Every structure is written in structure tokens, then in C-alpha cells.
Protein backbone atom coordinates (compact mmCIF):
# COMPACT_ATOMS: atom_id res chain seq x y z
CA MET A 1 113.80 102.36 107.90
CA SER A 2 113.66 105.82 109.57
CA GLU A 3 114.30 104.35 113.03
CA ASP A 4 117.20 102.33 111.70
CA LEU A 5 118.68 105.47 110.19
CA SER A 6 118.45 107.32 113.49
CA SER A 7 120.55 104.54 115.15
CA TYR A 8 123.07 104.76 112.27
CA MET A 9 123.24 108.52 112.54
CA LEU A 10 123.98 108.17 116.23
CA LYS A 11 126.80 105.77 115.42
CA THR A 12 127.96 108.19 112.67
CA ALA A 13 128.10 110.95 115.46
CA ARG A 14 130.57 108.69 117.25
CA GLY A 15 132.72 108.46 114.20
CA ASP A 16 131.50 105.08 112.83
CA LYS A 17 132.38 105.18 109.12
CA ASP A 18 130.47 102.05 108.31
CA ALA A 19 127.29 103.52 109.72
CA PHE A 20 127.90 106.66 107.68
CA ARG A 21 128.50 104.59 104.49
CA LEU A 22 125.18 102.90 105.03
CA ILE A 23 123.32 106.22 105.36
CA ALA A 24 125.18 107.46 102.23
CA ASN A 25 124.34 104.30 100.28
CA THR A 26 120.73 104.32 101.52
CA LEU A 27 120.02 108.10 100.79
CA GLY A 28 122.52 108.93 98.09
CA TYR A 29 120.21 108.33 95.14
CA LYS A 30 117.43 110.26 96.80
CA MET A 31 119.77 113.03 97.63
CA HIS A 32 120.86 113.28 93.97
CA ALA A 33 117.21 113.21 92.76
CA THR A 34 116.35 115.95 95.17
CA ALA A 35 119.39 118.08 94.05
CA ILE A 36 118.32 117.59 90.35
CA LYS A 37 114.81 118.73 91.17
CA ILE A 38 116.06 121.80 92.77
CA LEU A 39 118.79 122.61 90.26
CA GLY A 40 117.06 121.41 87.11
CA SER A 41 117.79 118.38 84.97
CA SER A 42 120.44 120.17 82.99
CA HIS A 43 122.62 120.42 86.10
CA PHE A 44 123.52 116.68 86.55
CA GLU A 45 127.13 117.27 87.37
CA ASP A 46 126.27 120.01 89.76
CA ALA A 47 123.85 117.67 91.54
CA ASN A 48 126.78 115.19 91.91
CA ASP A 49 128.79 117.93 93.60
CA VAL A 50 125.86 118.81 95.81
CA VAL A 51 125.57 115.26 97.00
CA GLN A 52 129.33 115.04 97.77
CA ILE A 53 129.29 118.32 99.56
CA SER A 54 126.12 117.42 101.47
CA LEU A 55 127.69 114.20 102.59
CA ILE A 56 130.66 116.00 103.95
CA LYS A 57 128.37 118.26 105.82
CA VAL A 58 126.46 115.37 107.23
CA TRP A 59 129.59 113.71 108.50
CA GLN A 60 130.86 117.00 110.04
CA SER A 61 127.55 117.87 111.66
CA ALA A 62 126.66 114.42 112.85
CA PRO A 63 127.83 114.96 116.49
CA ARG A 64 125.47 117.96 116.72
CA TRP A 65 122.47 116.00 115.27
CA LYS A 66 119.55 115.78 117.67
CA LYS A 67 117.07 112.90 117.48
CA LYS A 68 114.12 115.32 117.13
CA GLY A 69 113.10 114.40 113.58
CA SER A 70 113.90 111.98 110.80
CA VAL A 71 117.41 111.51 109.53
CA GLU A 72 116.02 111.90 105.92
CA GLY A 73 114.47 115.22 106.71
CA TYR A 74 117.76 116.40 108.33
CA ILE A 75 119.72 115.36 105.31
CA TYR A 76 117.32 116.79 102.76
CA LYS A 77 117.50 120.16 104.53
CA ILE A 78 121.35 119.92 104.11
CA VAL A 79 120.89 119.08 100.46
CA PHE A 80 118.44 122.04 99.98
CA SER A 81 120.87 124.44 101.72
CA THR A 82 123.79 123.25 99.64
CA CYS A 83 121.84 123.66 96.43
CA MET A 84 121.02 127.27 97.52
CA ASP A 85 124.68 127.98 98.14
């Protein structure tokens, strides 16, 4: 699936909303679970906010994404940074 996500990320970089939606639907649950692990289980609503903010950051930064690593790793880095903010 990682290779598929790379092609969808490249499409997202060109403004393809359907490709972005697929990435969000594929990784949204994992993003939320990661945010809860970082913030703690008592911060469920904060984790929801982290996912939303992270998805905005993914959409905005997609044109600068380089196909050097996995899309999942790139997005998890954004989630981590957003949690730290």
C-alpha cells in the first residue's frame, strides 16, 4: 500500500482532492491512534484536533513532498510535530 500512497501523494501535490481524501481515509485512524499515544488517552478530543490540523498541513505541504520515504512516515512526522506544538 505504501507505493499506492506515494502515487496518491503525488496526485495530492497537484491538487487532486480525491487522492487526498483517500490518504486521509486510509491513514486517519492510525493518525488518531498515534496522537492518542503521544498525548495520552485522556486527550481524545485533542487528538481529533491534531488529526485535523495535521491533515491541513499535509494538504498544504504536499507540493513540497519528495518521494524519498514513505508517505506514512512523512504524515506521522507531521502528527508528532503537531502534538508537540
